[in-house]
Amino acid sequence: MCAQLSQQSTLNKPVSDHNFVQLLSTVRFLTRQALPLRGNLEENGNYWQLLKLLGQENDELGLWLNQARNITLHD
């Protein structure tokens, strides 16, 4: 069981690293444009909306965002 989790984690690392860079790039873009990250609600904020837009073009990012959001909402 531990070996399977370790192997899965190793396989997911490049995708997670790439997606993390996308998150940082989104923050950098918004700050360079002097735009706020958040809106009235977190889901309406510039940061989340830009990530959703990028996720529509990048399937791996979209899937990763959905998984991360489900974990956050259900903990």
C-alpha atoms as a PDB file:
ATOM      1  CA  MET A   1       0.000   0.000   0.000  1.00  0.00           C
ATOM      2  CA  CYS A   2       2.753   2.480   0.969  1.00  0.00           C
ATOM      3  CA  ALA A   3       4.714   1.564  -2.141  1.00  0.00           C
ATOM      4  CA  GLN A   4       1.682   2.274  -4.337  1.00  0.00           C
ATOM      5  CA  LEU A   5       1.127   5.660  -2.697  1.00  0.00           C
ATOM      6  CA  SER A   6       4.791   6.517  -3.071  1.00  0.00           C
ATOM      7  CA  GLN A   7       4.745   5.531  -6.740  1.00  0.00           C
ATOM      8  CA  GLN A   8       1.559   7.544  -7.380  1.00  0.00           C
ATOM      9  CA  SER A   9       3.052  10.542  -5.586  1.00  0.00           C
ATOM     10  CA  THR A  10       6.178  10.298  -7.730  1.00  0.00           C
ATOM     11  CA  LEU A  11       4.088  10.169 -10.906  1.00  0.00           C
ATOM     12  CA  ASN A  12       1.992  13.190  -9.845  1.00  0.00           C
ATOM     13  CA  LYS A  13       4.946  15.361  -8.805  1.00  0.00           C
ATOM     14  CA  PRO A  14       5.768  16.829 -12.251  1.00  0.00           C
ATOM     15  CA  VAL A  15       2.105  17.721 -12.808  1.00  0.00           C
ATOM     16  CA  SER A  16       1.818  19.260  -9.349  1.00  0.00           C
ATOM     17  CA  ASP A  17       5.028  21.223  -9.833  1.00  0.00           C
ATOM     18  CA  HIS A  18       3.828  22.570 -13.185  1.00  0.00           C
ATOM     19  CA  ASN A  19       0.441  23.503 -11.754  1.00  0.00           C
ATOM     20  CA  PHE A  20       2.048  25.218  -8.770  1.00  0.00           C
ATOM     21  CA  VAL A  21       4.064  27.355 -11.172  1.00  0.00           C
ATOM     22  CA  GLN A  22       0.778  28.250 -12.885  1.00  0.00           C
ATOM     23  CA  LEU A  23      -0.647  29.386  -9.531  1.00  0.00           C
ATOM     24  CA  LEU A  24       2.373  31.605  -8.896  1.00  0.00           C
ATOM     25  CA  SER A  25       2.269  32.996 -12.425  1.00  0.00           C
ATOM     26  CA  THR A  26      -1.370  33.934 -11.917  1.00  0.00           C
ATOM     27  CA  VAL A  27      -0.519  35.845  -8.735  1.00  0.00           C
ATOM     28  CA  ARG A  28       2.381  37.566 -10.505  1.00  0.00           C
ATOM     29  CA  PHE A  29       0.152  38.596 -13.422  1.00  0.00           C
ATOM     30  CA  LEU A  30      -2.547  40.040 -11.172  1.00  0.00           C
ATOM     31  CA  THR A  31      -0.059  41.944  -9.012  1.00  0.00           C
ATOM     32  CA  ARG A  32       1.719  43.392 -12.049  1.00  0.00           C
ATOM     33  CA  GLN A  33      -1.641  44.617 -13.314  1.00  0.00           C
ATOM     34  CA  ALA A  34      -2.415  46.049  -9.841  1.00  0.00           C
ATOM     35  CA  LEU A  35      -5.568  43.923  -9.688  1.00  0.00           C
ATOM     36  CA  PRO A  36      -6.948  42.540  -6.433  1.00  0.00           C
ATOM     37  CA  LEU A  37      -6.764  38.787  -5.966  1.00  0.00           C
ATOM     38  CA  ARG A  38     -10.134  38.506  -4.261  1.00  0.00           C
ATOM     39  CA  GLY A  39     -13.625  39.715  -5.007  1.00  0.00           C
ATOM     40  CA  ASN A  40     -16.669  39.900  -2.752  1.00  0.00           C
ATOM     41  CA  LEU A  41     -16.683  36.126  -2.650  1.00  0.00           C
ATOM     42  CA  GLU A  42     -13.625  33.941  -3.109  1.00  0.00           C
ATOM     43  CA  GLU A  43     -15.186  32.274  -6.169  1.00  0.00           C
ATOM     44  CA  ASN A  44     -15.765  35.662  -7.806  1.00  0.00           C
ATOM     45  CA  GLY A  45     -12.223  36.911  -7.246  1.00  0.00           C
ATOM     46  CA  ASN A  46      -9.830  37.658 -10.072  1.00  0.00           C
ATOM     47  CA  TYR A  47      -7.431  34.940  -8.931  1.00  0.00           C
ATOM     48  CA  TRP A  48      -9.980  32.128  -8.991  1.00  0.00           C
ATOM     49  CA  GLN A  49     -11.593  33.302 -12.221  1.00  0.00           C
ATOM     50  CA  LEU A  50      -8.232  33.494 -13.975  1.00  0.00           C
ATOM     51  CA  LEU A  51      -7.306  30.023 -12.738  1.00  0.00           C
ATOM     52  CA  LYS A  52     -10.631  28.645 -13.987  1.00  0.00           C
ATOM     53  CA  LEU A  53      -9.955  30.210 -17.382  1.00  0.00           C
ATOM     54  CA  LEU A  54      -6.489  28.665 -17.516  1.00  0.00           C
ATOM     55  CA  GLY A  55      -7.977  25.349 -16.369  1.00  0.00           C
ATOM     56  CA  GLN A  56     -10.307  25.338 -19.364  1.00  0.00           C
ATOM     57  CA  GLU A  57      -7.302  25.464 -21.686  1.00  0.00           C
ATOM     58  CA  ASN A  58      -5.116  23.112 -19.646  1.00  0.00           C
ATOM     59  CA  ASP A  59      -6.914  19.885 -18.708  1.00  0.00           C
ATOM     60  CA  GLU A  60      -4.309  18.870 -16.130  1.00  0.00           C
ATOM     61  CA  LEU A  61      -4.612  22.208 -14.340  1.00  0.00           C
ATOM     62  CA  GLY A  62      -8.419  22.062 -14.450  1.00  0.00           C
ATOM     63  CA  LEU A  63      -8.495  18.574 -12.975  1.00  0.00           C
ATOM     64  CA  TRP A  64      -5.914  19.507 -10.341  1.00  0.00           C
ATOM     65  CA  LEU A  65      -7.905  22.600  -9.324  1.00  0.00           C
ATOM     66  CA  ASN A  66     -11.126  20.588  -9.013  1.00  0.00           C
ATOM     67  CA  GLN A  67      -9.419  17.962  -6.872  1.00  0.00           C
ATOM     68  CA  ALA A  68      -7.795  20.586  -4.640  1.00  0.00           C
ATOM     69  CA  ARG A  69     -11.069  22.456  -4.259  1.00  0.00           C
ATOM     70  CA  ASN A  70     -12.984  19.307  -3.295  1.00  0.00           C
ATOM     71  CA  ILE A  71     -10.406  18.447  -0.652  1.00  0.00           C
ATOM     72  CA  THR A  72     -10.547  21.966   0.784  1.00  0.00           C
ATOM     73  CA  LEU A  73     -14.349  22.120   0.857  1.00  0.00           C
ATOM     74  CA  HIS A  74     -14.890  18.708   2.421  1.00  0.00           C
ATOM     75  CA  ASP A  75     -12.258  18.752   5.204  1.00  0.00           C
END
